[in-house]
N, C-alpha and C. Protein backbone atom coordinates (compact mmCIF):
# COMPACT_ATOMS: atom_id res chain seq x y z
N MET A 1 8.49 11.35 -2.25
CA MET A 1 7.29 10.25 -2.52
C MET A 1 7.38 9.39 -1.91
N GLN A 2 6.01 9.00 -1.10
CA GLN A 2 6.26 7.61 -1.14
C GLN A 2 5.39 6.63 -1.81
N THR A 3 6.41 6.04 -1.90
CA THR A 3 5.17 4.28 -2.32
C THR A 3 5.35 3.11 -1.53
N ASN A 4 3.78 2.58 -2.04
CA ASN A 4 3.64 1.49 -1.59
C ASN A 4 3.16 -0.08 -2.59
N ILE A 5 3.64 -0.98 -2.09
CA ILE A 5 3.79 -1.96 -2.73
C ILE A 5 2.93 -3.03 -2.09
N ARG A 6 1.68 -3.32 -2.52
CA ARG A 6 0.99 -4.87 -1.85
C ARG A 6 0.79 -5.75 -2.63
N ALA A 7 0.64 -6.90 -2.56
CA ALA A 7 0.06 -7.66 -3.23
C ALA A 7 -1.30 -8.60 -2.71
N VAL A 8 -2.22 -8.75 -3.47
CA VAL A 8 -3.51 -8.99 -3.16
C VAL A 8 -3.43 -10.70 -3.67
N HIS A 9 -4.08 -11.85 -3.10
CA HIS A 9 -3.95 -13.33 -3.52
C HIS A 9 -3.22 -13.79 -4.28
N PHE A 10 -2.07 -13.05 -2.92
CA PHE A 10 -0.41 -14.15 -3.48
C PHE A 10 0.72 -13.26 -2.43
N THR A 11 2.12 -14.10 -2.72
CA THR A 11 2.99 -13.43 -1.56
C THR A 11 3.91 -12.45 -2.59
N LEU A 12 3.93 -11.64 -2.61
CA LEU A 12 4.99 -10.55 -3.36
C LEU A 12 5.92 -11.09 -3.19
N ASP A 13 7.25 -11.83 -3.98
CA ASP A 13 8.37 -11.95 -3.83
C ASP A 13 9.36 -10.75 -4.15
N ASP A 14 10.69 -11.22 -3.69
CA ASP A 14 11.74 -10.44 -3.42
C ASP A 14 11.81 -9.96 -5.03
N ASN A 15 11.85 -10.90 -5.74
CA ASN A 15 12.40 -10.58 -7.56
C ASN A 15 11.52 -9.35 -8.16
N LEU A 16 10.47 -9.47 -8.02
CA LEU A 16 8.36 -8.72 -7.94
C LEU A 16 8.90 -7.61 -7.84
N ARG A 17 9.49 -7.23 -6.60
CA ARG A 17 9.60 -6.07 -5.94
C ARG A 17 10.54 -5.63 -6.21
N GLU A 18 11.49 -5.97 -6.54
CA GLU A 18 12.83 -5.64 -6.95
C GLU A 18 12.51 -4.82 -8.15
N HIS A 19 11.64 -5.77 -9.18
CA HIS A 19 11.40 -5.51 -10.56
C HIS A 19 10.45 -4.05 -10.32
N ILE A 20 9.65 -4.28 -9.79
CA ILE A 20 8.91 -2.91 -9.94
C ILE A 20 10.07 -2.05 -9.43
N GLU A 21 10.45 -1.58 -8.14
CA GLU A 21 11.04 -0.78 -7.75
C GLU A 21 12.20 -0.20 -8.70
N GLY A 22 12.95 -1.54 -9.47
CA GLY A 22 13.67 -0.78 -10.41
C GLY A 22 13.08 0.07 -11.42
N LYS A 23 11.64 0.03 -11.75
CA LYS A 23 11.15 0.28 -13.36
C LYS A 23 10.87 1.72 -12.48
N LEU A 24 10.34 1.87 -11.36
CA LEU A 24 10.47 2.73 -10.88
C LEU A 24 11.40 4.36 -10.34
N LYS A 25 12.33 3.39 -11.18
CA LYS A 25 13.32 4.33 -11.05
C LYS A 25 13.02 5.70 -12.50
N ARG A 26 12.06 5.27 -12.85
CA ARG A 26 12.42 6.13 -14.66
C ARG A 26 10.97 7.14 -14.35
N ILE A 27 10.85 7.59 -13.10
CA ILE A 27 9.85 8.57 -12.97
C ILE A 27 10.93 8.89 -11.27
N ASP A 28 11.91 8.55 -10.94
CA ASP A 28 11.89 9.56 -9.88
C ASP A 28 12.46 10.65 -10.24
N TYR A 29 12.64 11.25 -11.72
CA TYR A 29 13.21 12.80 -11.91
C TYR A 29 11.95 13.78 -11.52
N ALA A 30 10.27 12.78 -11.11
CA ALA A 30 8.79 13.28 -10.99
C ALA A 30 8.89 13.22 -9.27
N ALA A 31 10.19 12.77 -8.57
CA ALA A 31 9.62 12.55 -7.58
C ALA A 31 9.05 13.39 -6.46
N ASP A 32 9.56 15.03 -6.35
CA ASP A 32 9.22 16.46 -6.13
C ASP A 32 7.51 16.34 -5.99
N TYR A 33 6.87 15.80 -7.32
CA TYR A 33 5.81 16.58 -7.41
C TYR A 33 5.06 14.88 -7.12
N ILE A 34 5.12 14.00 -6.63
CA ILE A 34 4.28 12.67 -6.35
C ILE A 34 4.04 13.07 -4.82
N VAL A 35 2.84 13.06 -4.57
CA VAL A 35 2.87 12.65 -3.18
C VAL A 35 2.31 10.88 -2.80
N ASP A 36 2.76 10.69 -3.10
CA ASP A 36 2.38 8.99 -3.21
C ASP A 36 1.27 8.09 -4.37
N LEU A 37 2.31 6.96 -4.38
CA LEU A 37 1.73 6.14 -4.90
C LEU A 37 2.00 4.19 -4.69
N THR A 38 1.03 3.83 -5.08
CA THR A 38 0.69 2.50 -4.24
C THR A 38 0.19 1.61 -6.22
N ILE A 39 0.88 1.06 -5.76
CA ILE A 39 0.70 -0.11 -6.75
C ILE A 39 0.28 -1.01 -6.34
N THR A 40 -0.77 -1.60 -6.79
CA THR A 40 -1.47 -3.14 -5.74
C THR A 40 -1.54 -4.22 -7.46
N PRO A 41 -0.29 -5.73 -7.37
CA PRO A 41 -0.76 -6.43 -8.18
C PRO A 41 -1.69 -7.55 -7.59
N THR A 42 -2.88 -8.15 -8.43
CA THR A 42 -3.89 -8.76 -7.51
C THR A 42 -3.45 -10.01 -8.17
N LEU A 43 -3.68 -11.41 -8.04
CA LEU A 43 -4.32 -12.63 -8.81
C LEU A 43 -5.01 -12.87 -8.65
N ASP A 44 -5.75 -13.02 -9.58
CA ASP A 44 -7.32 -13.88 -9.85
C ASP A 44 -7.42 -14.55 -9.95
N ALA A 45 -8.04 -15.80 -10.47
CA ALA A 45 -8.24 -16.94 -11.05
C ALA A 45 -6.97 -17.71 -11.44
N ARG A 46 -7.19 -17.14 -13.30
CA ARG A 46 -5.52 -17.55 -13.29
C ARG A 46 -5.37 -16.07 -14.41
N GLN A 47 -5.56 -14.94 -13.56
CA GLN A 47 -5.27 -13.51 -13.94
C GLN A 47 -4.14 -12.94 -13.07
N PHE A 48 -3.85 -12.15 -13.22
CA PHE A 48 -2.70 -10.91 -12.64
C PHE A 48 -3.41 -9.44 -13.57
N ASP A 49 -3.62 -8.41 -12.30
CA ASP A 49 -4.11 -7.78 -12.39
C ASP A 49 -3.27 -6.59 -11.83
N GLY A 50 -3.23 -5.24 -12.32
CA GLY A 50 -2.15 -4.66 -11.68
C GLY A 50 -2.80 -3.21 -11.78
N GLU A 51 -2.79 -2.53 -10.67
CA GLU A 51 -3.16 -1.14 -10.54
C GLU A 51 -2.53 -0.61 -9.88
N ALA A 52 -2.58 0.66 -10.25
CA ALA A 52 -1.21 1.84 -9.43
C ALA A 52 -2.22 3.32 -9.39
N HIS A 53 -2.28 3.15 -8.54
CA HIS A 53 -2.84 5.11 -7.97
C HIS A 53 -1.50 5.64 -7.52
N LEU A 54 -1.89 7.55 -8.20
CA LEU A 54 -0.79 8.22 -8.49
C LEU A 54 -1.52 9.10 -7.74
N HIS A 55 -1.34 10.30 -6.60
CA HIS A 55 -1.19 11.26 -6.47
C HIS A 55 -0.92 12.21 -6.65
N PHE A 56 -0.34 13.70 -7.32
CA PHE A 56 0.21 14.47 -7.28
C PHE A 56 0.00 15.65 -6.09
N ARG A 57 1.40 16.48 -6.22
CA ARG A 57 1.13 17.67 -4.85
C ARG A 57 0.04 18.83 -5.71
N TRP A 58 -0.37 18.78 -6.63
CA TRP A 58 -1.57 20.02 -6.98
C TRP A 58 -2.77 19.11 -6.79
N GLY A 59 -2.87 17.83 -6.66
CA GLY A 59 -4.44 16.64 -6.96
C GLY A 59 -4.44 16.88 -8.20
N ALA A 60 -3.81 15.89 -9.15
CA ALA A 60 -4.01 15.57 -10.55
C ALA A 60 -4.14 13.84 -9.44
N THR A 61 -4.74 13.29 -9.81
CA THR A 61 -4.61 11.87 -9.94
C THR A 61 -4.94 11.01 -11.00
N LYS A 62 -4.62 9.92 -10.74
CA LYS A 62 -4.33 8.75 -11.80
C LYS A 62 -4.26 7.48 -11.64
N ASN A 63 -5.39 6.79 -11.73
CA ASN A 63 -5.61 5.60 -11.46
C ASN A 63 -5.28 4.86 -12.88
N VAL A 64 -4.19 3.59 -12.62
CA VAL A 64 -3.73 2.88 -13.76
C VAL A 64 -3.91 1.27 -13.76
N THR A 65 -4.31 0.41 -14.99
CA THR A 65 -4.63 -0.81 -14.85
C THR A 65 -3.98 -1.90 -16.12
N ALA A 66 -3.41 -2.74 -15.74
CA ALA A 66 -2.77 -3.61 -16.75
C ALA A 66 -3.52 -5.04 -16.37
N HIS A 67 -3.82 -5.72 -17.02
CA HIS A 67 -4.29 -7.43 -16.74
C HIS A 67 -3.45 -8.13 -17.47
N GLY A 68 -2.92 -9.33 -17.50
CA GLY A 68 -2.15 -10.81 -17.73
C GLY A 68 -2.09 -11.90 -17.44
N HIS A 69 -1.46 -12.91 -17.99
CA HIS A 69 -1.45 -14.01 -17.01
C HIS A 69 0.24 -14.48 -16.75
N ASP A 70 1.46 -13.43 -16.54
CA ASP A 70 2.02 -13.45 -15.93
C ASP A 70 2.91 -12.11 -15.21
N ALA A 71 2.64 -12.10 -14.01
CA ALA A 71 3.12 -11.07 -12.84
C ALA A 71 4.33 -9.79 -13.44
N VAL A 72 4.84 -10.16 -14.28
CA VAL A 72 6.67 -9.02 -14.67
C VAL A 72 5.88 -8.41 -16.39
N PRO A 73 5.21 -9.55 -17.03
CA PRO A 73 4.81 -8.50 -17.79
C PRO A 73 3.39 -7.02 -17.71
N VAL A 74 2.69 -7.58 -16.75
CA VAL A 74 2.11 -6.91 -16.30
C VAL A 74 2.88 -5.41 -15.69
N ALA A 75 3.45 -6.02 -14.60
CA ALA A 75 4.23 -4.89 -13.93
C ALA A 75 4.78 -4.13 -14.85
N ASP A 76 5.43 -4.27 -15.85
CA ASP A 76 5.90 -3.94 -17.16
C ASP A 76 5.15 -2.77 -17.53
N GLN A 77 3.80 -3.39 -17.70
CA GLN A 77 2.86 -3.25 -18.80
C GLN A 77 2.25 -1.57 -18.23
N LEU A 78 1.77 -1.81 -16.88
CA LEU A 78 1.81 -1.12 -15.74
C LEU A 78 2.51 0.47 -15.10
N LEU A 79 3.98 -0.10 -15.19
CA LEU A 79 4.88 0.90 -14.94
C LEU A 79 5.20 1.71 -17.13
N ASP A 80 4.71 0.99 -17.68
CA ASP A 80 4.96 2.01 -18.77
C ASP A 80 3.32 2.99 -18.83
N LYS A 81 2.76 2.80 -18.94
CA LYS A 81 1.65 3.56 -18.59
C LYS A 81 1.54 4.78 -17.61
N LEU A 82 2.39 3.46 -16.15
CA LEU A 82 2.51 5.17 -15.72
C LEU A 82 3.40 5.91 -15.84
N SER A 83 4.37 5.65 -16.40
CA SER A 83 5.79 6.40 -17.20
C SER A 83 5.18 7.42 -17.72
N ALA A 84 4.85 7.11 -18.85
CA ALA A 84 3.88 7.88 -19.84
C ALA A 84 2.62 9.48 -19.40
N PHE A 85 2.13 8.88 -18.24
CA PHE A 85 0.83 9.68 -18.01
C PHE A 85 1.94 10.75 -16.91
N VAL A 86 2.78 10.03 -16.16
CA VAL A 86 4.13 11.19 -15.29
C VAL A 86 4.87 12.10 -16.06
N ALA A 87 5.18 11.84 -17.87
CA ALA A 87 5.11 12.56 -18.31
C ALA A 87 4.86 13.43 -18.75
N LYS A 88 3.43 13.50 -19.26
CA LYS A 88 2.37 13.86 -19.45
C LYS A 88 2.65 14.87 -18.79
N GLU A 89 2.29 14.62 -17.32
CA GLU A 89 1.75 15.72 -16.50
C GLU A 89 2.53 16.55 -16.46
N LYS A 90 3.77 16.40 -16.22
CA LYS A 90 4.82 17.02 -16.05
C LYS A 90 5.28 17.73 -17.34
N ASP A 91 5.05 17.80 -18.83
CA ASP A 91 4.18 18.57 -19.59
C ASP A 91 3.67 19.27 -19.12
N LYS A 92 2.82 18.98 -19.21
CA LYS A 92 1.50 20.05 -18.89
C LYS A 92 1.96 21.41 -18.01
N LEU A 93 2.33 20.74 -16.54
CA LEU A 93 3.06 21.45 -15.46
C LEU A 93 3.89 22.52 -16.14
N LYS A 94 4.73 22.18 -17.18
CA LYS A 94 6.07 23.29 -17.91
C LYS A 94 5.17 23.93 -18.88
N SER A 95 4.54 23.65 -19.31
CA SER A 95 3.68 24.03 -20.55
C SER A 95 2.97 25.44 -19.74
N THR A 96 2.60 25.16 -18.16
CA THR A 96 1.78 26.22 -17.80
C THR A 96 2.96 26.78 -17.25
N HIS A 97 3.26 26.74 -16.83
CA HIS A 97 4.51 27.48 -15.88
C HIS A 97 4.65 28.74 -17.02
N THR A 98 5.28 27.71 -18.31
CA THR A 98 5.47 29.00 -19.52
C THR A 98 4.75 29.85 -20.13
N ARG A 99 3.00 29.79 -20.04
CA ARG A 99 2.72 30.09 -20.57
C ARG A 99 2.32 31.60 -19.45
N HIS A 100 2.37 31.19 -18.02
CA HIS A 100 2.19 32.33 -17.46
C HIS A 100 3.32 32.55 -16.81
N GLY A 101 4.94 32.57 -17.24
CA GLY A 101 6.04 33.18 -16.88
C GLY A 101 6.48 32.95 -16.21
N PRO A 102 7.77 32.84 -15.66
CA PRO A 102 8.65 32.81 -14.73
C PRO A 102 8.40 32.55 -13.63
N THR A 103 7.28 33.78 -13.24
CA THR A 103 7.38 34.00 -11.93
C THR A 103 5.36 33.37 -11.38
N ALA A 104 4.97 33.16 -12.06
CA ALA A 104 4.47 32.60 -11.68
C ALA A 104 4.10 31.33 -10.96
N GLU A 105 2.93 31.30 -9.85
CA GLU A 105 3.48 30.09 -8.75
C GLU A 105 2.80 28.79 -9.60
N MET A 106 3.87 27.94 -8.95
CA MET A 106 3.62 26.39 -9.54
C MET A 106 2.65 25.31 -8.54
N PRO A 107 1.33 24.42 -9.19
CA PRO A 107 0.24 24.05 -7.89
C PRO A 107 1.26 23.54 -7.06
N GLY A 108 -0.33 23.44 -5.61
CA GLY A 108 0.50 23.18 -4.92
C GLY A 108 -0.23 23.16 -3.90
């Protein structure tokens, strides 16, 4: 899984980067299924916007957003949504694999 974290309109400090990277460990179990993940916190006026773009190896993609007045809670909300989506997508994959039997090819 290739991960890119980039800030827009502010400098991403080490604390926020480490916080995001620490939260990303919750989806390490799906690293083999994820091609790339881009997380972009943006500061607009007095609000932080967080956006994550996720791309799975079988073509599924997801854009997740979060908004708030402080970067850390926005990052937490964004990564909670991202984690839930990854779990849902992994369950779909397991369900498809179970339905079609163990010899069925996984998407990819």
